[in-house]
Protein backbone atom coordinates (compact mmCIF):
# COMPACT_ATOMS: atom_id res chain seq x y z
CA UNK A 1 227.38 189.81 45.71
CA UNK A 2 226.92 191.42 49.12
CA UNK A 3 228.14 189.63 52.62
CA UNK A 4 226.37 189.81 55.82
CA UNK A 5 227.82 191.76 58.32
CA UNK A 6 227.72 190.01 61.80
CA UNK A 7 227.79 192.59 64.93
CA UNK A 8 229.08 191.78 68.10
CA UNK A 9 229.17 193.22 71.32
CA UNK A 10 232.67 193.22 72.79
CA UNK A 11 232.68 193.80 77.44
CA UNK A 12 235.28 193.91 79.41
CA UNK A 13 235.76 190.82 81.06
CA UNK A 14 234.67 192.34 84.53
CA UNK A 15 231.66 193.31 83.02
CA UNK A 16 231.07 189.56 82.30
CA UNK A 17 231.83 188.75 85.29
CA UNK A 18 229.56 191.11 87.18
CA UNK A 19 226.73 190.04 84.65
CA UNK A 20 227.45 186.28 85.44
CA UNK A 21 226.76 187.07 89.45
CA UNK A 22 223.53 189.27 88.86
CA UNK A 23 222.18 186.35 87.33
CA UNK A 24 222.89 183.97 89.69
CA UNK A 25 222.12 186.27 92.71
CA UNK A 26 218.69 187.12 91.16
CA UNK A 27 217.19 183.95 90.22
CA UNK A 28 218.95 183.59 86.93
CA UNK A 29 220.29 180.45 85.52
CA UNK A 30 219.30 177.04 87.06
CA UNK A 31 220.88 177.26 90.69
CA UNK A 32 218.85 175.93 93.50
CA UNK A 33 219.16 174.43 97.05
CA UNK A 34 217.66 171.73 98.82
CA UNK A 35 217.33 170.91 102.48
CA UNK A 36 216.95 167.35 104.14
CA UNK A 37 215.51 165.90 106.94
CA UNK A 38 216.54 162.83 108.94
CA UNK A 39 214.63 159.80 109.49
CA UNK A 40 214.89 158.05 112.99
CA UNK A 41 212.74 155.85 115.36
CA UNK A 42 213.44 156.50 119.08
CA UNK A 43 211.97 154.12 121.50
CA UNK A 44 211.45 155.04 125.00
CA UNK A 45 212.82 154.29 127.77
CA UNK A 46 215.86 152.51 125.64
CA UNK A 47 216.85 150.21 128.71
CA UNK A 48 214.20 148.49 131.83
CA UNK A 49 214.16 146.01 134.56
CA UNK A 50 210.80 144.12 134.44
CA UNK A 51 209.93 141.67 137.15
CA UNK A 52 208.65 138.30 135.32
CA UNK A 53 204.72 138.49 134.80
CA UNK A 54 204.77 142.06 134.70
CA UNK A 55 204.64 144.95 132.57
CA UNK A 56 206.20 147.98 130.62
CA UNK A 57 204.90 150.66 128.15
CA UNK A 58 207.18 152.00 125.84
CA UNK A 59 206.31 154.52 123.39
CA UNK A 60 207.71 155.32 119.75
CA UNK A 61 208.61 158.90 118.13
CA UNK A 62 208.84 158.39 114.50
CA UNK A 63 210.62 161.33 112.43
CA UNK A 64 210.97 162.17 108.76
CA UNK A 65 208.83 160.20 107.52
CA UNK A 66 204.65 160.22 106.82
CA UNK A 67 203.44 157.37 108.07
CA UNK A 68 204.45 156.93 112.22
CA UNK A 69 202.84 153.44 112.55
CA UNK A 70 205.22 150.74 113.67
CA UNK A 71 205.05 147.03 114.39
CA UNK A 72 206.72 145.61 117.49
CA UNK A 73 208.80 142.57 118.05
CA UNK A 74 210.90 141.30 120.82
CA UNK A 75 213.97 139.42 119.90
CA UNK A 76 212.97 139.39 115.89
CA UNK A 77 209.88 137.82 116.76
CA UNK A 78 206.80 139.92 115.65
CA UNK A 79 204.89 140.94 118.60
CA UNK A 80 207.26 138.67 120.47
CA UNK A 81 206.51 134.70 122.37
CA UNK A 82 205.91 133.13 125.60
CA UNK A 83 209.72 132.58 126.09
CA UNK A 84 211.15 136.46 125.69
CA UNK A 85 207.64 138.15 126.70
CA UNK A 86 204.88 139.53 124.23
CA UNK A 87 204.49 143.42 123.43
CA UNK A 88 200.95 144.56 122.03
CA UNK A 89 200.49 147.14 118.76
CA UNK A 90 200.66 149.83 121.82
CA UNK A 91 203.68 149.00 122.75
CA UNK A 92 203.07 147.41 125.96
CA UNK A 93 205.24 144.52 127.19
CA UNK A 94 204.98 141.97 129.20
CA UNK A 95 207.14 139.57 130.87
CA UNK A 96 207.66 136.09 130.74
CA UNK A 97 206.59 133.83 133.65
CA UNK A 98 210.16 132.57 133.63
CA UNK A 99 213.63 134.56 133.21
CA UNK A 100 214.46 133.83 129.53
CA UNK A 101 218.12 133.09 128.62
CA UNK A 102 219.99 135.50 128.40
CA UNK A 103 218.26 137.71 130.66
CA UNK A 104 218.48 140.58 128.55
CA UNK A 105 216.09 140.72 125.22
CA UNK A 106 215.49 143.43 122.65
CA UNK A 107 211.94 145.38 122.38
CA UNK A 108 211.96 146.71 118.65
CA UNK A 109 209.69 148.93 116.66
CA UNK A 110 210.01 149.39 112.77
CA UNK A 111 208.30 151.54 111.04
CA UNK A 112 205.33 150.47 108.39
CA UNK A 113 206.22 152.19 105.61
CA UNK A 114 210.21 151.44 106.00
CA UNK A 115 210.96 148.23 107.76
CA UNK A 116 214.34 148.90 107.58
CA UNK A 117 214.00 152.06 110.00
CA UNK A 118 214.24 150.85 113.47
CA UNK A 119 214.22 152.05 117.12
CA UNK A 120 214.92 149.60 119.71
CA UNK A 121 215.33 148.88 124.11
CA UNK A 122 216.85 146.73 126.00
CA UNK A 123 215.32 144.75 128.80
CA UNK A 124 216.60 142.84 131.93
CA UNK A 125 214.28 140.41 133.00
CA UNK A 126 214.27 139.49 136.60
CA UNK A 127 212.66 137.48 139.06
CA UNK A 128 210.61 140.44 141.16
CA UNK A 129 211.64 140.79 144.97
CA UNK A 130 209.74 139.17 147.52
CA UNK A 131 208.42 141.93 148.91
CA UNK A 132 206.24 142.13 145.47
CA UNK A 133 204.81 138.28 145.42
CA UNK A 134 201.40 137.17 146.36
CA UNK A 135 201.44 134.92 149.79
CA UNK A 136 199.56 132.62 151.58
CA UNK A 137 197.52 133.24 154.80
CA UNK A 138 198.92 134.10 157.30
CA UNK A 139 200.80 136.78 155.52
CA UNK A 140 204.29 138.43 156.47
CA UNK A 141 204.53 142.17 156.50
CA UNK A 142 207.08 144.42 154.36
CA UNK A 143 204.94 143.39 151.61
CA UNK A 144 202.75 144.41 148.88
CA UNK A 145 199.22 145.56 149.25
CA UNK A 146 196.96 148.34 149.84
CA UNK A 147 192.94 149.67 149.46
CA UNK A 148 191.17 147.83 147.17
CA UNK A 149 189.29 150.99 145.41
CA UNK A 150 192.65 152.69 144.88
CA UNK A 151 192.58 152.86 140.80
CA UNK A 152 191.41 155.54 138.59
CA UNK A 153 189.49 154.84 135.03
CA UNK A 154 189.71 156.88 132.39
CA UNK A 155 188.85 155.97 128.75
CA UNK A 156 190.65 152.52 128.16
CA UNK A 157 193.02 153.34 130.69
CA UNK A 158 193.03 152.31 134.64
CA UNK A 159 195.03 153.44 137.09
CA UNK A 160 195.87 151.41 140.08
CA UNK A 161 197.98 152.59 143.44
CA UNK A 162 199.56 150.35 145.96
CA UNK A 163 202.14 150.42 148.85
CA UNK A 164 203.75 148.27 151.55
CA UNK A 165 201.76 146.88 154.16
CA UNK A 166 204.04 147.80 157.24
CA UNK A 167 204.11 146.14 160.49
CA UNK A 168 201.28 144.86 163.35
CA UNK A 169 199.82 146.44 166.13
CA UNK A 170 197.73 145.10 168.66
CA UNK A 171 195.24 146.95 170.42
CA UNK A 172 192.47 145.71 172.72
CA UNK A 173 192.90 142.33 171.86
CA UNK A 174 192.34 142.99 168.30
CA UNK A 175 195.14 142.93 165.51
CA UNK A 176 195.62 145.52 163.25
CA UNK A 177 198.07 146.32 159.87
CA UNK A 178 199.62 149.77 160.62
CA UNK A 179 200.70 151.33 157.20
CA UNK A 180 200.15 155.01 155.58
CA UNK A 181 197.13 157.01 155.02
CA UNK A 182 197.81 157.01 151.58
CA UNK A 183 198.22 153.28 151.08
CA UNK A 184 195.14 152.22 153.04
CA UNK A 185 193.26 155.29 153.66
CA UNK A 186 193.79 156.59 149.44
CA UNK A 187 194.91 160.02 151.26
CA UNK A 188 191.60 160.77 153.46
CA UNK A 189 189.06 159.52 150.55
CA UNK A 190 188.71 156.29 151.92
CA UNK A 191 185.62 155.30 154.56
CA UNK A 192 185.68 152.76 156.93
CA UNK A 193 185.56 149.16 156.19
CA UNK A 194 187.15 149.33 152.71
CA UNK A 195 188.93 146.19 152.14
CA UNK A 196 192.57 145.89 152.14
CA UNK A 197 194.29 143.23 150.09
CA UNK A 198 197.34 141.33 149.49
CA UNK A 199 199.17 141.89 146.67
CA UNK A 200 198.11 145.43 146.27
CA UNK A 201 196.91 146.29 142.86
CA UNK A 202 199.99 147.28 141.14
CA UNK A 203 201.22 143.83 141.61
CA UNK A 204 198.34 141.99 140.55
CA UNK A 205 197.45 143.79 136.97
CA UNK A 206 194.87 146.15 138.45
CA UNK A 207 192.92 143.18 140.30
CA UNK A 208 192.37 143.22 144.13
CA UNK A 209 194.01 140.32 145.48
CA UNK A 210 193.11 138.43 149.06
CA UNK A 211 191.14 140.65 151.49
CA UNK A 212 193.98 140.59 154.59
CA UNK A 213 192.10 143.30 156.39
CA UNK A 214 189.67 146.28 156.71
CA UNK A 215 190.36 150.13 157.19
CA UNK A 216 189.41 150.93 160.55
CA UNK A 217 190.93 154.24 161.41
CA UNK A 218 193.34 157.16 159.42
CA UNK A 219 194.76 160.28 160.92
CA UNK A 220 193.81 163.10 158.65
CA UNK A 221 196.57 164.19 157.10
CA UNK A 222 195.91 167.88 156.84
CA UNK A 223 195.70 168.13 160.76
CA UNK A 224 197.13 165.22 162.56
CA UNK A 225 200.55 165.59 162.01
CA UNK A 226 201.17 162.04 160.59
CA UNK A 227 200.79 159.97 157.53
CA UNK A 228 199.27 156.74 159.10
CA UNK A 229 196.27 154.26 158.94
CA UNK A 230 194.96 151.11 160.52
CA UNK A 231 193.31 148.31 159.45
CA UNK A 232 191.51 145.22 161.18
CA UNK A 233 192.95 141.70 160.30
CA UNK A 234 190.58 139.21 159.31
CA UNK A 235 190.83 135.84 160.93
CA UNK A 236 194.04 134.39 160.02
CA UNK A 237 195.16 136.59 157.47
CA UNK A 238 198.38 138.34 158.80
CA UNK A 239 201.28 136.13 160.66
CA UNK A 240 200.27 137.05 164.57
CA UNK A 241 203.89 137.39 165.32
CA UNK A 242 204.32 140.62 163.25
CA UNK A 243 206.73 139.00 160.93
CA UNK A 244 208.45 140.85 158.14
CA UNK A 245 210.25 139.84 155.38
CA UNK A 246 213.73 139.62 154.62
CA UNK A 247 214.45 141.72 158.07
CA UNK A 248 216.28 138.95 159.87
CA UNK A 249 220.46 139.00 160.72
CA UNK A 250 220.63 136.69 157.42
CA UNK A 251 217.92 138.28 155.55
CA UNK A 252 215.59 136.06 156.23
CA UNK A 253 211.94 136.67 157.75
CA UNK A 254 211.42 138.14 161.50
CA UNK A 255 209.42 140.10 163.93
CA UNK A 256 210.80 143.05 164.35
CA UNK A 257 212.22 144.39 168.34
CA UNK A 258 210.05 144.27 171.07
CA UNK A 259 210.75 147.47 172.12
CA UNK A 260 211.09 151.15 170.42
CA UNK A 261 214.30 153.03 170.44
CA UNK A 262 214.71 157.18 170.21
CA UNK A 263 216.25 158.41 167.09
CA UNK A 264 219.58 159.65 167.27
CA UNK A 265 222.31 160.76 164.61
CA UNK A 266 223.77 157.72 162.84
CA UNK A 267 221.51 155.43 164.27
CA UNK A 268 221.52 152.19 161.69
CA UNK A 269 218.41 151.64 160.23
CA UNK A 270 216.95 148.91 157.99
CA UNK A 271 213.31 148.73 156.61
CA UNK A 272 211.54 146.21 153.89
CA UNK A 273 209.16 147.76 151.29
CA UNK A 274 207.01 146.38 148.28
CA UNK A 275 209.14 148.82 145.84
CA UNK A 276 212.81 148.90 147.39
CA UNK A 277 212.58 145.45 149.17
CA UNK A 278 215.53 145.13 152.03
CA UNK A 279 217.45 148.63 152.33
CA UNK A 280 219.71 149.80 155.11
CA UNK A 281 220.85 153.30 155.89
CA UNK A 282 221.45 155.63 158.99
CA UNK A 283 219.05 158.62 160.53
CA UNK A 284 220.92 162.04 159.12
CA UNK A 285 218.73 164.39 160.89
CA UNK A 286 215.90 164.90 163.32
CA UNK A 287 212.96 167.36 164.34
CA UNK A 288 213.19 167.81 160.44
CA UNK A 289 210.05 169.74 158.73
CA UNK A 290 209.34 168.24 155.18
CA UNK A 291 206.48 169.01 152.62
CA UNK A 292 204.84 166.00 150.84
CA UNK A 293 202.43 166.46 147.82
CA UNK A 294 199.17 164.34 148.08
CA UNK A 295 196.39 163.66 145.40
CA UNK A 296 192.88 162.88 146.17
CA UNK A 297 192.84 160.01 143.67
CA UNK A 298 195.11 157.31 142.38
CA UNK A 299 197.43 159.36 139.66
CA UNK A 300 194.67 162.13 139.30
CA UNK A 301 192.50 164.08 141.68
CA UNK A 302 193.15 167.19 143.29
CA UNK A 303 196.74 167.67 144.58
CA UNK A 304 197.39 168.99 148.18
CA UNK A 305 200.13 169.79 149.83
CA UNK A 306 201.18 168.87 153.58
CA UNK A 307 204.30 170.02 156.22
CA UNK A 308 205.31 167.46 158.92
CA UNK A 309 207.39 168.67 161.51
CA UNK A 310 209.56 166.65 164.00
CA UNK A 311 210.40 164.00 161.37
CA UNK A 312 213.25 161.63 161.70
CA UNK A 313 215.00 161.77 158.24
CA UNK A 314 216.88 158.15 157.06
CA UNK A 315 218.57 158.43 153.45
CA UNK A 316 221.94 157.24 151.88
CA UNK A 317 222.60 154.89 149.33
CA UNK A 318 219.64 153.27 148.14
CA UNK A 319 217.52 153.32 151.24
CA UNK A 320 214.51 154.59 149.76
CA UNK A 321 212.76 153.87 146.55
CA UNK A 322 210.73 157.31 144.95
CA UNK A 323 207.67 158.24 146.34
CA UNK A 324 205.88 157.01 143.14
CA UNK A 325 207.02 154.86 140.33
CA UNK A 326 204.51 154.46 137.26
CA UNK A 327 204.16 152.39 134.46
CA UNK A 328 201.33 152.54 131.94
CA UNK A 329 199.26 150.04 130.39
CA UNK A 330 196.17 149.66 128.74
CA UNK A 331 195.09 146.34 129.65
CA UNK A 332 197.14 146.26 132.44
CA UNK A 333 196.93 149.53 133.64
CA UNK A 334 198.51 152.90 134.34
CA UNK A 335 200.23 151.72 137.79
CA UNK A 336 201.74 153.83 140.71
CA UNK A 337 203.55 152.07 143.57
CA UNK A 338 204.45 153.90 146.56
CA UNK A 339 206.72 152.53 149.43
CA UNK A 340 206.33 152.66 153.09
CA UNK A 341 208.17 150.65 155.91
CA UNK A 342 209.39 151.30 159.38
CA UNK A 343 211.45 147.98 160.57
CA UNK A 344 214.78 147.58 162.43
CA UNK A 345 218.39 146.69 161.23
CA UNK A 346 218.62 143.04 161.18
CA UNK A 347 219.88 141.53 157.64
CA UNK A 348 222.16 144.99 157.32
CA UNK A 349 224.39 144.16 159.93
CA UNK A 350 223.16 146.71 162.16
CA UNK A 351 221.42 146.24 165.75
CA UNK A 352 217.92 145.26 166.37
CA UNK A 353 216.06 148.74 166.66
CA UNK A 354 212.23 149.20 165.46
CA UNK A 355 211.93 152.86 163.78
CA UNK A 356 209.47 154.23 163.17
């Protein structure tokens, strides 16, 4: 009986190692590579301060997941409520009519497909400064206001702009509100007779408030060297003393000083404006040239730049709010507020001067 012999191949150990390496590096065997993508929900802005009854637009970014639709909630309540504020499906938060307790609430976006995947933002609700509130006639100045036609509409988005009704001017026995061209005259786009309202559109959900004046005259921005306009006051519309909000010695309401002062380095200055309220500082430079960008419509149109010479620069601390602040809304409008004022230092422990 014959026995079957087995044939084998004997290789040196080094050869085996080389074969194994060749199989691995050339795709043989079961080796593979993998990568992972992180999932996250980010809400922007992450913090916000919102006055009672006003709005703040939040946006959300979802990464690492196909379904990017989210559900919004406030303090754990879907859509929020009248106590902590409400939020729409598009992320528009509307603050309650009174400050909640505690005043800071959490706005949360949760992915619909993966509800445990969330992002949040903190919102602190405050009472608005008196400069941003509607007033009964006769109104005090240093307050919210502007041209009722200062808005644009693009699809479902309304963009409205306003600023500060600065001070009272008397000329030929008639009274006028003095403010900026870009506040009263829509950056050279308005016509005489257009209505000026208080509160401004930005503080009234892009709707016109009470008409307190009508545009009378505007200095052309490109040629006059100033950003200024006048609006004739309607009968009984404005406090005839020219009282300005918060400008008194104890931050009470008071008229400006009866005389003008010549600006000098280090001179104390205060202003009371729609966006910043009462703020105080001093003259930093005089005879200064500045360049300002304007737009021919509210947050749109053509942009143009004007150089102003012989300007007085006041700054430092929290003296001036940004030239434009904005929030976006679908039902309340995309809002731009521009602040302007030129008042005396009273509530800021300063002298009694009227700086312009």
